[in-house]
Amino acid sequence: MVQELHHGEEITTAFYVSREIKLHGLITMSRSLENGTTSLCKVVSAYDSKVEEIILQMIKHSGLAGSANLQSIVTADGRIIPFEVNCRISGTNSIRSNFGFKDVLYTLQEFLLGEAPEKPVIIPGIAVRVLLDVIYPNQTDYNSIKDNSPDHFIF
């Protein structure tokens, strides 16, 4: 796929569409990426009304249901340019849940338990994601690394 490169702030908006094909709620976060994953994000509400208009048009024309997220760029003049839609629960679900948007719970409530999903109550906040690799060179057995011996590391 080839698409135009837009410059500006990247935002991600997770949203949930009920079984009745109604927008249940959304949360928007500005974010920074490292190696393709969110490393720093902040809940922002300044773009919600514009993003909601876009999402409502998507729902109207697609019959979309469940959890999804919309990746967008906010240009210097305030335009919101969507560039990717993921029709799934995305990898920042643990972060979103802590800020009041619990799309995993909504999915279980509706599709497993047959209940109406609880209403999102979004709170402000910032999240930092830390990715850490611990490498044990020349080790082939998980049991051999349980003692965290300095012999395992190359200095």
Protein backbone atom coordinates (compact mmCIF):
# COMPACT_ATOMS: atom_id res chain seq x y z
CA MET A 1 0.00 0.00 0.00
CA VAL A 2 1.20 3.50 -0.79
CA GLN A 3 -0.31 6.53 0.86
CA GLU A 4 0.49 10.20 1.23
CA LEU A 5 2.74 11.09 4.18
CA HIS A 6 1.10 13.63 6.47
CA HIS A 7 2.97 15.55 9.14
CA GLY A 8 1.57 16.40 12.53
CA GLU A 9 0.58 14.85 15.83
CA GLU A 10 -0.33 11.16 15.68
CA ILE A 11 -3.41 10.16 17.60
CA THR A 12 -5.08 6.83 18.16
CA THR A 13 -8.78 6.60 18.92
CA ALA A 14 -10.20 3.37 20.26
CA PHE A 15 -13.95 3.05 19.95
CA TYR A 16 -16.61 0.49 20.66
CA VAL A 17 -19.71 -0.11 18.55
CA SER A 18 -22.53 -1.97 20.28
CA ARG A 19 -24.41 -4.93 18.84
CA GLU A 20 -27.15 -2.43 17.96
CA ILE A 21 -24.56 -0.71 15.71
CA LYS A 22 -24.42 2.39 17.92
CA LEU A 23 -21.24 4.15 19.03
CA HIS A 24 -20.86 3.18 22.69
CA GLY A 25 -17.83 5.35 23.43
CA LEU A 26 -14.33 6.33 22.46
CA ILE A 27 -10.98 7.36 23.88
CA THR A 28 -8.32 9.35 22.06
CA MET A 29 -4.66 9.39 22.95
CA SER A 30 -1.73 11.25 21.45
CA ARG A 31 1.21 8.90 21.15
CA SER A 32 4.82 8.27 20.34
CA LEU A 33 5.98 5.03 18.75
CA GLU A 34 9.15 2.97 19.08
CA ASN A 35 9.63 -0.04 16.82
CA GLY A 36 5.98 0.07 15.78
CA THR A 37 4.47 0.04 19.28
CA THR A 38 3.17 2.79 21.53
CA SER A 39 5.89 3.88 23.96
CA LEU A 40 4.34 7.07 25.37
CA CYS A 41 0.73 8.21 25.27
CA LYS A 42 -1.56 10.79 26.81
CA VAL A 43 -5.34 10.91 26.96
CA VAL A 44 -6.55 13.88 24.94
CA SER A 45 -10.13 15.02 24.41
CA ALA A 46 -9.59 18.08 22.19
CA TYR A 47 -10.16 16.06 18.98
CA ASP A 48 -13.03 13.85 20.15
CA SER A 49 -15.86 15.72 18.44
CA LYS A 50 -14.09 15.73 15.05
CA VAL A 51 -13.02 12.10 15.39
CA GLU A 52 -16.52 11.09 16.47
CA GLU A 53 -17.93 12.56 13.23
CA ILE A 54 -15.51 10.42 11.22
CA ILE A 55 -16.33 7.29 13.25
CA LEU A 56 -20.10 7.83 12.92
CA GLN A 57 -19.68 7.99 9.12
CA MET A 58 -17.64 4.78 9.21
CA ILE A 59 -20.35 3.03 11.23
CA LYS A 60 -23.11 4.33 8.97
CA HIS A 61 -21.44 2.95 5.85
CA SER A 62 -19.95 -0.28 7.16
CA GLY A 63 -22.13 -2.00 9.76
CA LEU A 64 -19.05 -2.19 11.96
CA ALA A 65 -19.55 -3.71 15.44
CA GLY A 66 -17.27 -4.36 18.40
CA SER A 67 -13.93 -2.81 19.24
CA ALA A 68 -11.81 -0.93 16.73
CA ASN A 69 -9.29 1.85 16.57
CA LEU A 70 -8.63 4.68 14.18
CA GLN A 71 -5.11 6.01 13.62
CA SER A 72 -5.00 9.64 12.51
CA ILE A 73 -2.70 12.60 12.01
CA VAL A 74 -3.69 16.03 13.28
CA THR A 75 -2.21 18.58 10.88
CA ALA A 76 -0.91 22.02 11.86
CA ASP A 77 -4.19 23.58 10.69
CA GLY A 78 -6.24 21.18 12.89
CA ARG A 79 -7.47 18.78 10.21
CA ILE A 80 -7.77 15.15 11.25
CA ILE A 81 -6.58 12.75 8.58
CA PRO A 82 -7.33 9.09 9.26
CA PHE A 83 -4.77 6.71 7.79
CA GLU A 84 -5.52 3.30 9.32
CA VAL A 85 -8.43 1.43 10.86
CA ASN A 86 -7.91 -1.72 12.93
CA CYS A 87 -11.10 -3.71 13.50
CA ARG A 88 -9.92 -5.46 16.64
CA ILE A 89 -8.97 -4.89 20.25
CA SER A 90 -5.56 -3.27 19.93
CA GLY A 91 -2.39 -3.65 21.94
CA THR A 92 -2.95 -0.57 24.09
CA ASN A 93 -6.03 -2.16 25.71
CA SER A 94 -4.31 -2.41 29.11
CA ILE A 95 -3.50 1.29 29.00
CA ARG A 96 -6.99 2.30 27.85
CA SER A 97 -8.63 0.19 30.52
CA ASN A 98 -6.74 2.08 33.23
CA PHE A 99 -8.07 5.34 31.76
CA GLY A 100 -11.70 4.16 31.82
CA PHE A 101 -12.20 2.68 28.34
CA LYS A 102 -12.62 -1.06 28.90
CA ASP A 103 -13.31 -2.47 25.44
CA VAL A 104 -12.26 -6.00 26.42
CA LEU A 105 -14.90 -5.90 29.18
CA TYR A 106 -17.53 -4.41 26.81
CA THR A 107 -16.89 -7.25 24.35
CA LEU A 108 -17.30 -9.91 27.04
CA GLN A 109 -20.37 -8.23 28.50
CA GLU A 110 -22.15 -8.05 25.15
CA PHE A 111 -21.02 -11.10 23.23
CA LEU A 112 -20.42 -13.64 26.03
CA LEU A 113 -22.74 -12.59 28.85
CA GLY A 114 -25.51 -10.96 26.81
CA GLU A 115 -25.38 -7.83 28.97
CA ALA A 116 -25.35 -4.18 28.06
CA PRO A 117 -21.77 -2.89 28.29
CA GLU A 118 -20.98 -0.49 31.09
CA LYS A 119 -20.57 3.16 30.19
CA PRO A 120 -17.01 4.41 29.69
CA VAL A 121 -15.80 6.98 32.22
CA ILE A 122 -12.63 8.45 30.73
CA ILE A 123 -10.06 9.98 33.05
CA PRO A 124 -6.98 11.99 32.05
CA GLY A 125 -3.53 10.50 32.28
CA ILE A 126 -0.22 9.58 30.72
CA ALA A 127 1.25 6.12 30.20
CA VAL A 128 4.81 5.06 29.49
CA ARG A 129 5.34 1.59 28.04
CA VAL A 130 8.66 -0.06 28.81
CA LEU A 131 9.86 -2.92 26.66
CA LEU A 132 12.69 -4.89 28.21
CA ASP A 133 14.65 -7.81 26.83
CA VAL A 134 16.80 -9.93 29.12
CA ILE A 135 19.17 -12.03 27.02
CA TYR A 136 20.95 -15.17 28.26
CA PRO A 137 23.63 -16.00 25.66
CA ASN A 138 24.48 -19.67 25.16
CA GLN A 139 21.67 -20.87 27.43
CA THR A 140 19.25 -23.48 26.10
CA ASP A 141 17.37 -24.59 29.21
CA TYR A 142 14.92 -22.35 31.08
CA ASN A 143 15.78 -24.01 34.38
CA SER A 144 19.44 -22.97 34.05
CA ILE A 145 18.59 -19.26 34.23
CA LYS A 146 16.42 -19.25 37.36
CA ASP A 147 19.28 -18.32 39.68
CA ASN A 148 20.18 -15.07 37.82
CA SER A 149 23.85 -15.91 38.18
CA PRO A 150 26.30 -13.32 36.81
CA ASP A 151 27.84 -16.20 34.85
CA HIS A 152 24.95 -15.86 32.41
CA PHE A 153 25.83 -12.33 31.32
CA ILE A 154 28.54 -10.93 29.08
CA PHE A 155 30.06 -7.73 30.42
